[in-house]
Amino acid sequence: MGMPVDRRQVEDWLVARIATARGIGPEEVDVDESFIANGLSSVSSVALVGDLAKELGVPLPDTLTWEFPTIAALAAHVAGASTSPHDD
């Protein structure tokens, strides 16, 4: 899937994007709360995943925020998914 992705960098990127969208400081975004609790709608969640895919240069399913409903879970998944055991 490409170069390894650092979980913390993905988490920080997501926090920054959500904080900017909501007009709050990054320290006010809780990585263990759901995307909904962090102020995202279904539409904005899909857009966020699309932006993350572009940022990382990898395809990501639109449903990721439903499968991994917190920033921490999504970042861990994306970091783990960056080096698939099925890649030869």
Protein backbone atom coordinates (compact mmCIF):
# COMPACT_ATOMS: atom_id res chain seq x y z
CA MET A 1 0.00 0.00 0.00
CA GLY A 2 3.01 2.26 -0.05
CA MET A 3 5.35 3.67 2.55
CA PRO A 4 4.67 2.96 6.23
CA VAL A 5 2.41 5.49 7.89
CA ASP A 6 3.02 6.74 11.42
CA ARG A 7 -0.05 6.40 13.65
CA ARG A 8 0.75 9.57 15.57
CA GLN A 9 1.13 11.62 12.38
CA VAL A 10 -2.24 10.40 11.12
CA GLU A 11 -3.81 11.16 14.50
CA ASP A 12 -2.30 14.66 14.54
CA TRP A 13 -3.48 15.30 10.96
CA LEU A 14 -7.02 14.21 11.82
CA VAL A 15 -7.06 16.31 14.99
CA ALA A 16 -5.83 19.37 13.10
CA ARG A 17 -8.46 18.95 10.35
CA ILE A 18 -11.32 18.50 12.81
CA ALA A 19 -10.16 21.40 14.98
CA THR A 20 -9.93 23.68 11.96
CA ALA A 21 -13.35 22.63 10.66
CA ARG A 22 -14.94 23.26 14.06
CA GLY A 23 -13.02 26.47 14.78
CA ILE A 24 -11.56 25.10 18.02
CA GLY A 25 -8.09 24.37 19.34
CA PRO A 26 -6.56 20.94 18.69
CA GLU A 27 -6.42 20.32 22.43
CA GLU A 28 -10.24 20.36 22.46
CA VAL A 29 -10.47 17.38 20.08
CA ASP A 30 -10.66 14.05 21.92
CA VAL A 31 -9.02 11.23 19.95
CA ASP A 32 -10.98 8.62 21.93
CA GLU A 33 -14.40 10.14 21.23
CA SER A 34 -16.40 9.23 18.14
CA PHE A 35 -16.21 11.34 15.01
CA ILE A 36 -19.85 12.27 15.66
CA ALA A 37 -19.00 13.44 19.19
CA ASN A 38 -16.17 15.44 17.64
CA GLY A 39 -18.71 17.29 15.48
CA LEU A 40 -18.55 15.44 12.16
CA SER A 41 -21.61 14.51 10.14
CA SER A 42 -21.76 11.53 7.80
CA VAL A 43 -20.95 13.77 4.86
CA SER A 44 -18.02 15.47 6.58
CA SER A 45 -16.68 12.06 7.72
CA VAL A 46 -16.64 10.79 4.13
CA ALA A 47 -14.92 14.00 2.99
CA LEU A 48 -12.35 13.64 5.79
CA VAL A 49 -11.49 10.08 4.71
CA GLY A 50 -11.19 11.27 1.09
CA ASP A 51 -8.82 14.04 2.16
CA LEU A 52 -6.79 11.58 4.24
CA ALA A 53 -6.53 9.22 1.27
CA LYS A 54 -5.19 12.07 -0.87
CA GLU A 55 -2.77 13.11 1.89
CA LEU A 56 -1.40 9.57 2.19
CA GLY A 57 -1.57 8.79 -1.52
CA VAL A 58 -3.49 5.57 -0.90
CA PRO A 59 -7.09 4.49 -1.54
CA LEU A 60 -9.24 4.34 1.59
CA PRO A 61 -12.86 3.16 1.78
CA ASP A 62 -15.44 5.88 2.46
CA THR A 63 -16.82 3.77 5.32
CA LEU A 64 -13.67 3.90 7.47
CA THR A 65 -15.14 6.26 10.06
CA TRP A 66 -17.98 3.79 10.63
CA GLU A 67 -15.63 0.82 10.93
CA PHE A 68 -13.15 2.78 13.08
CA PRO A 69 -15.30 5.41 14.81
CA THR A 70 -12.60 7.30 16.74
CA ILE A 71 -9.53 9.22 15.66
CA ALA A 72 -7.30 6.85 17.64
CA ALA A 73 -8.88 3.73 16.09
CA LEU A 74 -8.77 5.11 12.55
CA ALA A 75 -5.15 6.25 12.89
CA ALA A 76 -4.10 2.86 14.27
CA HIS A 77 -5.90 1.06 11.45
CA VAL A 78 -4.40 3.24 8.73
CA ALA A 79 -0.91 2.85 10.22
CA GLY A 80 -1.36 -0.93 10.47
CA ALA A 81 -2.95 -1.19 7.05
CA SER A 82 -0.03 0.62 5.43
CA THR A 83 2.02 -2.57 5.39
CA SER A 84 -0.29 -5.42 4.49
CA PRO A 85 0.90 -8.95 5.25
CA HIS A 86 -0.44 -9.91 1.81
CA ASP A 87 2.06 -7.67 0.00
CA ASP A 88 4.93 -9.63 -1.52
